[in-house]
């Protein structure tokens, strides 16, 4: 997985992979996507091939490159752990947003806020009884 991550650190290589995700391509076709000379594109393709991210086949005078998506499986599994973490956090956030508000009329409440039902009841009952007299 380290070779895959190292290969993906370069923007040009990611651009090549994005193009190859759509369809196989020749070096010349890939070179049209990048602001670098063809030898530079070939160097990026070599790095991608050594990382196992692309395959190459000879077609007459041309080399045709294609994506090897199976090389991304380990990376996807590793990222899945963090994707699950964020999904749980987003689920908790949605639950918090959907939860009915039950605030009382204390400090921090103001106009336009939902204060919910009035829970401020007067429980001060006068139970003094005068037994004298």
Protein backbone atom coordinates (compact mmCIF):
# COMPACT_ATOMS: atom_id res chain seq x y z
CA UNK A 1 0.00 0.00 0.00
CA UNK A 2 2.95 2.37 0.60
CA UNK A 3 3.91 2.29 -3.09
CA UNK A 4 0.32 3.14 -4.03
CA UNK A 5 0.18 6.03 -1.57
CA UNK A 6 3.55 7.31 -2.77
CA UNK A 7 2.38 7.17 -6.39
CA UNK A 8 -0.83 9.03 -5.55
CA UNK A 9 0.97 11.96 -3.93
CA UNK A 10 1.61 13.51 -7.34
CA UNK A 11 -1.23 15.45 -8.98
CA UNK A 12 -0.15 14.49 -12.50
CA UNK A 13 -0.32 10.80 -11.62
CA UNK A 14 -3.79 11.25 -10.17
CA UNK A 15 -4.83 13.00 -13.39
CA UNK A 16 -3.52 10.02 -15.37
CA UNK A 17 -5.40 7.58 -13.15
CA UNK A 18 -8.60 9.60 -13.49
CA UNK A 19 -8.27 9.46 -17.27
CA UNK A 20 -7.54 5.74 -17.23
CA UNK A 21 -10.58 5.13 -15.03
CA UNK A 22 -12.66 6.22 -18.01
CA UNK A 23 -10.83 4.19 -20.65
CA UNK A 24 -7.38 2.88 -21.67
CA UNK A 25 -5.12 5.46 -23.32
CA UNK A 26 -1.79 5.86 -25.07
CA UNK A 27 1.08 7.96 -23.76
CA UNK A 28 0.28 10.65 -26.33
CA UNK A 29 -3.36 10.80 -25.25
CA UNK A 30 -2.32 11.09 -21.61
CA UNK A 31 0.31 13.72 -22.46
CA UNK A 32 -2.46 15.95 -23.83
CA UNK A 33 -3.94 16.11 -20.31
CA UNK A 34 -0.79 17.28 -18.59
CA UNK A 35 1.31 20.45 -18.88
CA UNK A 36 4.54 18.46 -19.09
CA UNK A 37 6.61 16.91 -21.88
CA UNK A 38 6.03 13.34 -22.99
CA UNK A 39 9.19 11.99 -21.23
CA UNK A 40 7.74 13.32 -17.97
CA UNK A 41 4.48 11.52 -18.64
CA UNK A 42 6.44 8.32 -19.29
CA UNK A 43 8.23 8.72 -15.95
CA UNK A 44 4.88 9.13 -14.16
CA UNK A 45 3.54 6.06 -15.96
CA UNK A 46 6.57 4.06 -14.85
CA UNK A 47 5.90 5.01 -11.20
CA UNK A 48 2.24 4.05 -11.59
CA UNK A 49 3.19 0.74 -13.23
CA UNK A 50 5.71 -0.09 -10.48
CA UNK A 51 3.03 0.62 -7.86
CA UNK A 52 0.74 -1.81 -9.65
CA UNK A 53 -1.78 0.86 -10.54
CA UNK A 54 -1.57 0.55 -14.33
CA UNK A 55 -0.99 -2.15 -16.91
CA UNK A 56 0.56 -1.61 -20.32
CA UNK A 57 0.14 -3.60 -23.50
CA UNK A 58 1.75 -3.22 -26.85
CA UNK A 59 -0.61 -2.44 -29.76
CA UNK A 60 1.49 -2.24 -32.95
CA UNK A 61 3.68 0.85 -32.48
CA UNK A 62 1.74 2.13 -29.48
CA UNK A 63 1.69 1.34 -25.79
CA UNK A 64 -1.78 1.37 -24.32
CA UNK A 65 -2.14 1.92 -20.59
CA UNK A 66 -5.09 0.81 -18.50
CA UNK A 67 -6.04 1.15 -14.85
CA UNK A 68 -5.66 -1.77 -12.45
CA UNK A 69 -8.38 -0.90 -9.92
CA UNK A 70 -7.60 -3.96 -7.80
CA UNK A 71 -4.41 -2.17 -6.73
CA UNK A 72 -6.61 0.29 -4.85
CA UNK A 73 -8.42 -2.33 -2.75
CA UNK A 74 -6.03 -2.16 0.21
CA UNK A 75 -6.18 1.62 0.18
CA UNK A 76 -9.99 1.54 0.04
CA UNK A 77 -10.13 -0.89 2.98
CA UNK A 78 -7.82 1.34 5.02
CA UNK A 79 -9.83 4.47 4.19
CA UNK A 80 -13.08 2.61 4.95
CA UNK A 81 -12.28 2.73 8.65
CA UNK A 82 -12.20 6.53 8.56
CA UNK A 83 -15.20 6.69 6.24
CA UNK A 84 -17.16 4.70 8.86
CA UNK A 85 -15.99 7.06 11.61
CA UNK A 86 -17.22 10.11 9.68
CA UNK A 87 -20.48 8.38 8.82
CA UNK A 88 -21.16 7.72 12.52
CA UNK A 89 -20.39 11.35 13.34
CA UNK A 90 -22.69 12.60 10.60
CA UNK A 91 -25.45 10.26 11.79
CA UNK A 92 -25.04 11.64 15.33
CA UNK A 93 -25.14 15.20 13.98
CA UNK A 94 -28.33 14.49 12.02
CA UNK A 95 -29.91 12.98 15.14
CA UNK A 96 -28.93 16.04 17.18
CA UNK A 97 -30.38 18.41 14.58
CA UNK A 98 -33.61 16.41 14.37
CA UNK A 99 -34.00 16.21 18.15
CA UNK A 100 -36.81 18.44 19.49
CA UNK A 101 -35.53 21.40 21.41
CA UNK A 102 -36.49 21.52 25.07
CA UNK A 103 -34.84 24.58 26.48
CA UNK A 104 -36.24 26.66 29.33
CA UNK A 105 -36.53 30.42 29.41
CA UNK A 106 -33.22 31.09 31.09
CA UNK A 107 -30.29 33.15 29.92
CA UNK A 108 -29.35 32.67 26.32
CA UNK A 109 -32.86 32.41 25.04
CA UNK A 110 -34.18 35.19 22.96
CA UNK A 111 -36.69 36.13 20.34
CA UNK A 112 -37.14 33.62 17.61
CA UNK A 113 -35.92 30.72 19.65
CA UNK A 114 -38.08 27.73 20.33
CA UNK A 115 -38.37 27.51 24.05
CA UNK A 116 -40.66 24.51 24.02
CA UNK A 117 -43.29 23.97 26.64
CA UNK A 118 -43.15 26.13 29.72
CA UNK A 119 -41.59 24.00 32.38
CA UNK A 120 -41.20 26.79 34.90
CA UNK A 121 -43.88 25.99 37.45
CA UNK A 122 -44.26 27.56 40.79
CA UNK A 123 -43.88 24.82 43.34
CA UNK A 124 -43.71 27.19 46.27
CA UNK A 125 -46.82 26.26 48.18
CA UNK A 126 -47.62 27.84 51.47
CA UNK A 127 -48.11 25.05 53.92
CA UNK A 128 -47.72 27.12 57.05
CA UNK A 129 -50.57 26.64 59.33
CA UNK A 130 -51.08 28.79 62.31
CA UNK A 131 -51.91 26.54 65.17
CA UNK A 132 -51.66 29.19 67.84
CA UNK A 133 -54.39 30.95 68.94
